[in-house]
Amino acid sequence: MSDAHSIARDQLKSFVERIERLEEEKKTIADDISDVYAEAKGTGFDTKALKRIIALRKKDEQERMEEEAVLDTYMIALGMLAAPEDE
């Protein structure tokens, strides 16, 4: 096998091994997160609400406001929320 093929094979093997290690770490972290949610649920917290809070905290304020405005508009259109009073 030529040196170029050997180098490419070694690089490929290195990438695969790194990805495998990171995937294992990701699984460990996901398990840890699940444990924290289970602990929170065990003390009476609503895990759906916690997950929603986590998702909201990842967004900036402007993005949250836009999302809430669209959601309110849809809910008003579907009769799920009272329309604001016209002034």
PDB file of N, CA and C in Angstrom:
ATOM      1  N   MET A   1       0.850  -1.173   0.000  1.00  0.00           N
ATOM      2  CA  MET A   1       0.000   0.000   0.000  1.00  0.00           C
ATOM      3  C   MET A   1       0.896   1.237   0.000  1.00  0.00           C
ATOM      4  N   SER A   2       0.504   2.273  -0.737  1.00  0.00           N
ATOM      5  CA  SER A   2       1.325   3.472  -0.819  1.00  0.00           C
ATOM      6  C   SER A   2       1.205   4.288   0.465  1.00  0.00           C
ATOM      7  N   ASP A   3       2.149   5.191   0.631  1.00  0.00           N
ATOM      8  CA  ASP A   3       2.125   6.047   1.820  1.00  0.00           C
ATOM      9  C   ASP A   3       0.852   6.886   1.893  1.00  0.00           C
ATOM     10  N   ALA A   4       0.375   7.364   0.741  1.00  0.00           N
ATOM     11  CA  ALA A   4      -0.842   8.186   0.720  1.00  0.00           C
ATOM     12  C   ALA A   4      -2.041   7.381   1.220  1.00  0.00           C
ATOM     13  N   HIS A   5      -2.143   6.130   0.772  1.00  0.00           N
ATOM     14  CA  HIS A   5      -3.244   5.283   1.221  1.00  0.00           C
ATOM     15  C   HIS A   5      -3.127   4.983   2.716  1.00  0.00           C
ATOM     16  N   SER A   6      -1.922   4.762   3.163  1.00  0.00           N
ATOM     17  CA  SER A   6      -1.688   4.468   4.570  1.00  0.00           C
ATOM     18  C   SER A   6      -2.068   5.659   5.443  1.00  0.00           C
ATOM     19  N   ILE A   7      -1.694   6.850   5.002  1.00  0.00           N
ATOM     20  CA  ILE A   7      -2.022   8.070   5.747  1.00  0.00           C
ATOM     21  C   ILE A   7      -3.535   8.280   5.772  1.00  0.00           C
ATOM     22  N   ALA A   8      -4.174   8.103   4.605  1.00  0.00           N
ATOM     23  CA  ALA A   8      -5.624   8.277   4.524  1.00  0.00           C
ATOM     24  C   ALA A   8      -6.325   7.262   5.423  1.00  0.00           C
ATOM     25  N   ARG A   9      -5.859   6.019   5.411  1.00  0.00           N
ATOM     26  CA  ARG A   9      -6.461   4.975   6.253  1.00  0.00           C
ATOM     27  C   ARG A   9      -6.312   5.339   7.725  1.00  0.00           C
ATOM     28  N   ASP A  10      -5.133   5.804   8.109  1.00  0.00           N
ATOM     29  CA  ASP A  10      -4.889   6.185   9.501  1.00  0.00           C
ATOM     30  C   ASP A  10      -5.764   7.370   9.923  1.00  0.00           C
ATOM     31  N   GLN A  11      -5.915   8.343   9.022  1.00  0.00           N
ATOM     32  CA  GLN A  11      -6.772   9.487   9.323  1.00  0.00           C
ATOM     33  C   GLN A  11      -8.221   9.044   9.485  1.00  0.00           C
ATOM     34  N   LEU A  12      -8.675   8.182   8.581  1.00  0.00           N
ATOM     35  CA  LEU A  12     -10.038   7.682   8.648  1.00  0.00           C
ATOM     36  C   LEU A  12     -10.273   6.940   9.960  1.00  0.00           C
ATOM     37  N   LYS A  13      -9.330   6.078  10.313  1.00  0.00           N
ATOM     38  CA  LYS A  13      -9.447   5.321  11.547  1.00  0.00           C
ATOM     39  C   LYS A  13      -9.494   6.266  12.747  1.00  0.00           C
ATOM     40  N   SER A  14      -8.685   7.300  12.719  1.00  0.00           N
ATOM     41  CA  SER A  14      -8.649   8.286  13.795  1.00  0.00           C
ATOM     42  C   SER A  14      -9.987   9.011  13.919  1.00  0.00           C
ATOM     43  N   PHE A  15     -10.553   9.422  12.780  1.00  0.00           N
ATOM     44  CA  PHE A  15     -11.852  10.092  12.798  1.00  0.00           C
ATOM     45  C   PHE A  15     -12.931   9.179  13.376  1.00  0.00           C
ATOM     46  N   VAL A  16     -12.968   7.944  12.920  1.00  0.00           N
ATOM     47  CA  VAL A  16     -13.971   6.992  13.382  1.00  0.00           C
ATOM     48  C   VAL A  16     -13.840   6.768  14.890  1.00  0.00           C
ATOM     49  N   GLU A  17     -12.628   6.585  15.368  1.00  0.00           N
ATOM     50  CA  GLU A  17     -12.417   6.351  16.792  1.00  0.00           C
ATOM     51  C   GLU A  17     -12.803   7.563  17.627  1.00  0.00           C
ATOM     52  N   ARG A  18     -12.500   8.773  17.131  1.00  0.00           N
ATOM     53  CA  ARG A  18     -12.883   9.985  17.850  1.00  0.00           C
ATOM     54  C   ARG A  18     -14.397  10.123  17.917  1.00  0.00           C
ATOM     55  N   ILE A  19     -15.061   9.857  16.795  1.00  0.00           N
ATOM     56  CA  ILE A  19     -16.518   9.938  16.756  1.00  0.00           C
ATOM     57  C   ILE A  19     -17.126   8.920  17.710  1.00  0.00           C
ATOM     58  N   GLU A  20     -16.597   7.722  17.720  1.00  0.00           N
ATOM     59  CA  GLU A  20     -17.100   6.692  18.631  1.00  0.00           C
ATOM     60  C   GLU A  20     -16.951   7.118  20.090  1.00  0.00           C
ATOM     61  N   ARG A  21     -15.820   7.705  20.434  1.00  0.00           N
ATOM     62  CA  ARG A  21     -15.620   8.180  21.808  1.00  0.00           C
ATOM     63  C   ARG A  21     -16.614   9.284  22.155  1.00  0.00           C
ATOM     64  N   LEU A  22     -16.794  10.211  21.231  1.00  0.00           N
ATOM     65  CA  LEU A  22     -17.729  11.307  21.473  1.00  0.00           C
ATOM     66  C   LEU A  22     -19.167  10.808  21.574  1.00  0.00           C
ATOM     67  N   GLU A  23     -19.523   9.832  20.757  1.00  0.00           N
ATOM     68  CA  GLU A  23     -20.866   9.245  20.843  1.00  0.00           C
ATOM     69  C   GLU A  23     -21.082   8.602  22.209  1.00  0.00           C
ATOM     70  N   GLU A  24     -20.077   7.940  22.727  1.00  0.00           N
ATOM     71  CA  GLU A  24     -20.177   7.326  24.054  1.00  0.00           C
ATOM     72  C   GLU A  24     -20.333   8.406  25.131  1.00  0.00           C
ATOM     73  N   GLU A  25     -19.558   9.490  24.996  1.00  0.00           N
ATOM     74  CA  GLU A  25     -19.682  10.594  25.949  1.00  0.00           C
ATOM     75  C   GLU A  25     -21.068  11.215  25.863  1.00  0.00           C
ATOM     76  N   LYS A  26     -21.580  11.355  24.632  1.00  0.00           N
ATOM     77  CA  LYS A  26     -22.908  11.924  24.437  1.00  0.00           C
ATOM     78  C   LYS A  26     -23.964  11.049  25.119  1.00  0.00           C
ATOM     79  N   LYS A  27     -23.829   9.739  25.004  1.00  0.00           N
ATOM     80  CA  LYS A  27     -24.769   8.825  25.637  1.00  0.00           C
ATOM     81  C   LYS A  27     -24.691   8.960  27.156  1.00  0.00           C
ATOM     82  N   THR A  28     -23.487   9.065  27.679  1.00  0.00           N
ATOM     83  CA  THR A  28     -23.307   9.222  29.125  1.00  0.00           C
ATOM     84  C   THR A  28     -23.958  10.515  29.606  1.00  0.00           C
ATOM     85  N   ILE A  29     -23.762  11.594  28.869  1.00  0.00           N
ATOM     86  CA  ILE A  29     -24.356  12.879  29.237  1.00  0.00           C
ATOM     87  C   ILE A  29     -25.876  12.805  29.146  1.00  0.00           C
ATOM     88  N   ALA A  30     -26.404  12.168  28.096  1.00  0.00           N
ATOM     89  CA  ALA A  30     -27.858  12.015  27.960  1.00  0.00           C
ATOM     90  C   ALA A  30     -28.424  11.218  29.130  1.00  0.00           C
ATOM     91  N   ASP A  31     -27.713  10.190  29.544  1.00  0.00           N
ATOM     92  CA  ASP A  31     -28.149   9.407  30.710  1.00  0.00           C
ATOM     93  C   ASP A  31     -28.145  10.269  31.972  1.00  0.00           C
ATOM     94  N   ASP A  32     -27.116  11.096  32.124  1.00  0.00           N
ATOM     95  CA  ASP A  32     -27.040  11.991  33.282  1.00  0.00           C
ATOM     96  C   ASP A  32     -28.197  12.982  33.290  1.00  0.00           C
ATOM     97  N   ILE A  33     -28.523  13.524  32.122  1.00  0.00           N
ATOM     98  CA  ILE A  33     -29.638  14.468  32.012  1.00  0.00           C
ATOM     99  C   ILE A  33     -30.944  13.767  32.386  1.00  0.00           C
ATOM    100  N   SER A  34     -31.126  12.547  31.895  1.00  0.00           N
ATOM    101  CA  SER A  34     -32.325  11.779  32.240  1.00  0.00           C
ATOM    102  C   SER A  34     -32.420  11.559  33.745  1.00  0.00           C
ATOM    103  N   ASP A  35     -31.286  11.300  34.368  1.00  0.00           N
ATOM    104  CA  ASP A  35     -31.268  11.115  35.821  1.00  0.00           C
ATOM    105  C   ASP A  35     -31.704  12.383  36.547  1.00  0.00           C
ATOM    106  N   VAL A  36     -31.263  13.541  36.059  1.00  0.00           N
ATOM    107  CA  VAL A  36     -31.643  14.807  36.694  1.00  0.00           C
ATOM    108  C   VAL A  36     -33.143  15.049  36.532  1.00  0.00           C
ATOM    109  N   TYR A  37     -33.674  14.776  35.339  1.00  0.00           N
ATOM    110  CA  TYR A  37     -35.121  14.914  35.140  1.00  0.00           C
ATOM    111  C   TYR A  37     -35.888  13.970  36.067  1.00  0.00           C
ATOM    112  N   ALA A  38     -35.406  12.749  36.210  1.00  0.00           N
ATOM    113  CA  ALA A  38     -36.069  11.780  37.095  1.00  0.00           C
ATOM    114  C   ALA A  38     -36.028  12.269  38.544  1.00  0.00           C
ATOM    115  N   GLU A  39     -34.907  12.832  38.938  1.00  0.00           N
ATOM    116  CA  GLU A  39     -34.789  13.371  40.290  1.00  0.00           C
ATOM    117  C   GLU A  39     -35.759  14.531  40.503  1.00  0.00           C
ATOM    118  N   ALA A  40     -35.837  15.418  39.504  1.00  0.00           N
ATOM    119  CA  ALA A  40     -36.756  16.549  39.591  1.00  0.00           C
ATOM    120  C   ALA A  40     -38.200  16.057  39.673  1.00  0.00           C
ATOM    121  N   LYS A  41     -38.534  15.061  38.851  1.00  0.00           N
ATOM    122  CA  LYS A  41     -39.891  14.489  38.871  1.00  0.00           C
ATOM    123  C   LYS A  41     -40.180  13.861  40.233  1.00  0.00           C
ATOM    124  N   GLY A  42     -39.190  13.204  40.800  1.00  0.00           N
ATOM    125  CA  GLY A  42     -39.349  12.573  42.101  1.00  0.00           C
ATOM    126  C   GLY A  42     -39.608  13.558  43.219  1.00  0.00           C
ATOM    127  N   THR A  43     -39.179  14.801  43.037  1.00  0.00           N
ATOM    128  CA  THR A  43     -39.429  15.823  44.060  1.00  0.00           C
ATOM    129  C   THR A  43     -40.654  16.663  43.736  1.00  0.00           C
ATOM    130  N   GLY A  44     -41.390  16.267  42.673  1.00  0.00           N
ATOM    131  CA  GLY A  44     -42.659  16.922  42.390  1.00  0.00           C
ATOM    132  C   GLY A  44     -42.659  17.928  41.260  1.00  0.00           C
ATOM    133  N   PHE A  45     -41.561  18.107  40.579  1.00  0.00           N
ATOM    134  CA  PHE A  45     -41.527  19.055  39.468  1.00  0.00           C
ATOM    135  C   PHE A  45     -42.055  18.403  38.190  1.00  0.00           C
ATOM    136  N   ASP A  46     -42.666  19.217  37.339  1.00  0.00           N
ATOM    137  CA  ASP A  46     -43.211  18.764  36.063  1.00  0.00           C
ATOM    138  C   ASP A  46     -42.085  18.775  35.030  1.00  0.00           C
ATOM    139  N   THR A  47     -41.718  17.602  34.538  1.00  0.00           N
ATOM    140  CA  THR A  47     -40.575  17.519  33.621  1.00  0.00           C
ATOM    141  C   THR A  47     -40.875  18.144  32.260  1.00  0.00           C
ATOM    142  N   LYS A  48     -42.133  18.109  31.819  1.00  0.00           N
ATOM    143  CA  LYS A  48     -42.475  18.763  30.546  1.00  0.00           C
ATOM    144  C   LYS A  48     -42.233  20.263  30.653  1.00  0.00           C
ATOM    145  N   ALA A  49     -42.615  20.832  31.792  1.00  0.00           N
ATOM    146  CA  ALA A  49     -42.397  22.263  32.009  1.00  0.00           C
ATOM    147  C   ALA A  49     -40.905  22.574  32.075  1.00  0.00           C
ATOM    148  N   LEU A  50     -40.152  21.722  32.749  1.00  0.00           N
ATOM    149  CA  LEU A  50     -38.703  21.929  32.825  1.00  0.00           C
ATOM    150  C   LEU A  50     -38.065  21.895  31.435  1.00  0.00           C
ATOM    151  N   LYS A  51     -38.480  20.940  30.621  1.00  0.00           N
ATOM    152  CA  LYS A  51     -37.926  20.834  29.257  1.00  0.00           C
ATOM    153  C   LYS A  51     -38.275  22.068  28.439  1.00  0.00           C
ATOM    154  N   ARG A  52     -39.483  22.577  28.626  1.00  0.00           N
ATOM    155  CA  ARG A  52     -39.907  23.786  27.907  1.00  0.00           C
ATOM    156  C   ARG A  52     -39.080  24.983  28.361  1.00  0.00           C
ATOM    157  N   ILE A  53     -38.849  25.091  29.664  1.00  0.00           N
ATOM    158  CA  ILE A  53     -38.024  26.182  30.198  1.00  0.00           C
ATOM    159  C   ILE A  53     -36.614  26.112  29.622  1.00  0.00           C
ATOM    160  N   ILE A  54     -36.039  24.913  29.575  1.00  0.00           N
ATOM    161  CA  ILE A  54     -34.690  24.736  29.018  1.00  0.00           C
ATOM    162  C   ILE A  54     -34.660  25.204  27.567  1.00  0.00           C
ATOM    163  N   ALA A  55     -35.680  24.816  26.794  1.00  0.00           N
ATOM    164  CA  ALA A  55     -35.743  25.211  25.382  1.00  0.00           C
ATOM    165  C   ALA A  55     -35.866  26.726  25.243  1.00  0.00           C
ATOM    166  N   LEU A  56     -36.686  27.350  26.097  1.00  0.00           N
ATOM    167  CA  LEU A  56     -36.856  28.801  26.036  1.00  0.00           C
ATOM    168  C   LEU A  56     -35.582  29.546  26.408  1.00  0.00           C
ATOM    169  N   ARG A  57     -34.861  29.037  27.383  1.00  0.00           N
ATOM    170  CA  ARG A  57     -33.632  29.704  27.824  1.00  0.00           C
ATOM    171  C   ARG A  57     -32.533  29.645  26.761  1.00  0.00           C
ATOM    172  N   LYS A  58     -32.648  28.724  25.823  1.00  0.00           N
ATOM    173  CA  LYS A  58     -31.664  28.628  24.742  1.00  0.00           C
ATOM    174  C   LYS A  58     -31.872  29.720  23.692  1.00  0.00           C
ATOM    175  N   LYS A  59     -33.061  30.309  23.673  1.00  0.00           N
ATOM    176  CA  LYS A  59     -33.397  31.311  22.658  1.00  0.00           C
ATOM    177  C   LYS A  59     -33.162  32.708  23.207  1.00  0.00           C
ATOM    178  N   ASP A  60     -32.873  33.638  22.300  1.00  0.00           N
ATOM    179  CA  ASP A  60     -32.721  35.014  22.759  1.00  0.00           C
ATOM    180  C   ASP A  60     -34.112  35.634  22.938  1.00  0.00           C
ATOM    181  N   GLU A  61     -34.156  36.762  23.605  1.00  0.00           N
ATOM    182  CA  GLU A  61     -35.430  37.388  23.966  1.00  0.00           C
ATOM    183  C   GLU A  61     -36.276  37.709  22.740  1.00  0.00           C
ATOM    184  N   GLN A  62     -35.668  38.240  21.699  1.00  0.00           N
ATOM    185  CA  GLN A  62     -36.411  38.604  20.491  1.00  0.00           C
ATOM    186  C   GLN A  62     -37.056  37.372  19.856  1.00  0.00           C
ATOM    187  N   GLU A  63     -36.319  36.297  19.773  1.00  0.00           N
ATOM    188  CA  GLU A  63     -36.847  35.067  19.184  1.00  0.00           C
ATOM    189  C   GLU A  63     -38.019  34.530  20.013  1.00  0.00           C
ATOM    190  N   ARG A  64     -37.887  34.591  21.325  1.00  0.00           N
ATOM    191  CA  ARG A  64     -38.979  34.150  22.213  1.00  0.00           C
ATOM    192  C   ARG A  64     -40.226  35.006  22.024  1.00  0.00           C
ATOM    193  N   MET A  65     -40.038  36.320  21.935  1.00  0.00           N
ATOM    194  CA  MET A  65     -41.172  37.230  21.778  1.00  0.00           C
ATOM    195  C   MET A  65     -41.897  36.972  20.460  1.00  0.00           C
ATOM    196  N   GLU A  66     -41.134  36.769  19.387  1.00  0.00           N
ATOM    197  CA  GLU A  66     -41.744  36.496  18.085  1.00  0.00           C
ATOM    198  C   GLU A  66     -42.526  35.187  18.123  1.00  0.00           C
ATOM    199  N   GLU A  67     -41.940  34.170  18.726  1.00  0.00           N
ATOM    200  CA  GLU A  67     -42.589  32.870  18.830  1.00  0.00           C
ATOM    201  C   GLU A  67     -43.888  32.972  19.645  1.00  0.00           C
ATOM    202  N   GLU A  68     -43.844  33.701  20.750  1.00  0.00           N
ATOM    203  CA  GLU A  68     -45.026  33.871  21.585  1.00  0.00           C
ATOM    204  C   GLU A  68     -46.118  34.645  20.854  1.00  0.00           C
ATOM    205  N   ALA A  69     -45.732  35.657  20.063  1.00  0.00           N
ATOM    206  CA  ALA A  69     -46.704  36.447  19.311  1.00  0.00           C
ATOM    207  C   ALA A  69     -47.421  35.577  18.277  1.00  0.00           C
ATOM    208  N   VAL A  70     -46.680  34.750  17.575  1.00  0.00           N
ATOM    209  CA  VAL A  70     -47.286  33.852  16.590  1.00  0.00           C
ATOM    210  C   VAL A  70     -48.200  32.854  17.281  1.00  0.00           C
ATOM    211  N   LEU A  71     -47.733  32.292  18.389  1.00  0.00           N
ATOM    212  CA  LEU A  71     -48.540  31.333  19.141  1.00  0.00           C
ATOM    213  C   LEU A  71     -49.837  31.985  19.630  1.00  0.00           C
ATOM    214  N   ASP A  72     -49.741  33.197  20.175  1.00  0.00           N
ATOM    215  CA  ASP A  72     -50.943  33.908  20.628  1.00  0.00           C
ATOM    216  C   ASP A  72     -51.906  34.152  19.472  1.00  0.00           C
ATOM    217  N   THR A  73     -51.385  34.558  18.311  1.00  0.00           N
ATOM    218  CA  THR A  73     -52.214  34.801  17.136  1.00  0.00           C
ATOM    219  C   THR A  73     -52.977  33.544  16.737  1.00  0.00           C
ATOM    220  N   TYR A  74     -52.287  32.417  16.703  1.00  0.00           N
ATOM    221  CA  TYR A  74     -52.925  31.146  16.342  1.00  0.00           C
ATOM    222  C   TYR A  74     -53.968  30.737  17.377  1.00  0.00           C
ATOM    223  N   MET A  75     -53.643  30.920  18.654  1.00  0.00           N
ATOM    224  CA  MET A  75     -54.579  30.531  19.714  1.00  0.00           C
ATOM    225  C   MET A  75     -55.834  31.400  19.681  1.00  0.00           C
ATOM    226  N   ILE A  76     -55.680  32.689  19.396  1.00  0.00           N
ATOM    227  CA  ILE A  76     -56.831  33.581  19.268  1.00  0.00           C
ATOM    228  C   ILE A  76     -57.687  33.133  18.084  1.00  0.00           C
ATOM    229  N   ALA A  77     -57.058  32.823  16.961  1.00  0.00           N
ATOM    230  CA  ALA A  77     -57.782  32.388  15.765  1.00  0.00           C
ATOM    231  C   ALA A  77     -58.554  31.098  16.011  1.00  0.00           C
ATOM    232  N   LEU A  78     -58.033  30.241  16.864  1.00  0.00           N
ATOM    233  CA  LEU A  78     -58.689  28.966  17.163  1.00  0.00           C
ATOM    234  C   LEU A  78     -59.649  29.048  18.351  1.00  0.00           C
ATOM    235  N   GLY A  79     -59.793  30.247  18.922  1.00  0.00           N
ATOM    236  CA  GLY A  79     -60.707  30.424  20.044  1.00  0.00           C
ATOM    237  C   GLY A  79     -60.171  29.867  21.356  1.00  0.00           C
ATOM    238  N   MET A  80     -58.879  29.638  21.414  1.00  0.00           N
ATOM    239  CA  MET A  80     -58.275  29.086  22.627  1.00  0.00           C
ATOM    240  C   MET A  80     -57.835  30.188  23.586  1.00  0.00           C
ATOM    241  N   LEU A  81     -57.852  31.430  23.104  1.00  0.00           N
ATOM    242  CA  LEU A  81     -57.382  32.568  23.883  1.00  0.00           C
ATOM    243  C   LEU A  81     -58.266  33.761  23.504  1.00  0.00           C
ATOM    244  N   ALA A  82     -58.649  34.544  24.490  1.00  0.00           N
ATOM    245  CA  ALA A  82     -59.476  35.723  24.214  1.00  0.00           C
ATOM    246  C   ALA A  82     -58.650  36.765  23.468  1.00  0.00           C
ATOM    247  N   ALA A  83     -59.288  37.381  22.478  1.00  0.00           N
ATOM    248  CA  ALA A  83     -58.618  38.441  21.734  1.00  0.00           C
ATOM    249  C   ALA A  83     -58.446  39.652  22.634  1.00  0.00           C
ATOM    250  N   PRO A  84     -57.349  40.374  22.484  1.00  0.00           N
ATOM    251  CA  PRO A  84     -57.167  41.568  23.309  1.00  0.00           C
ATOM    252  C   PRO A  84     -58.241  42.610  23.001  1.00  0.00           C
ATOM    253  N   GLU A  85     -58.606  43.365  24.013  1.00  0.00           N
ATOM    254  CA  GLU A  85     -59.626  44.410  23.856  1.00  0.00           C
ATOM    255  C   GLU A  85     -59.070  45.513  22.978  1.00  0.00           C
ATOM    256  N   ASP A  86     -59.883  45.984  22.001  1.00  0.00           N
ATOM    257  CA  ASP A  86     -59.478  47.142  21.178  1.00  0.00           C
ATOM    258  C   ASP A  86     -59.608  48.383  22.032  1.00  0.00           C
ATOM    259  N   GLU A  87     -58.617  49.246  21.925  1.00  0.00           N
ATOM    260  CA  GLU A  87     -58.640  50.479  22.727  1.00  0.00           C
ATOM    261  C   GLU A  87     -59.141  51.610  21.923  1.00  0.00           C
TER     262      GLU A  87
END
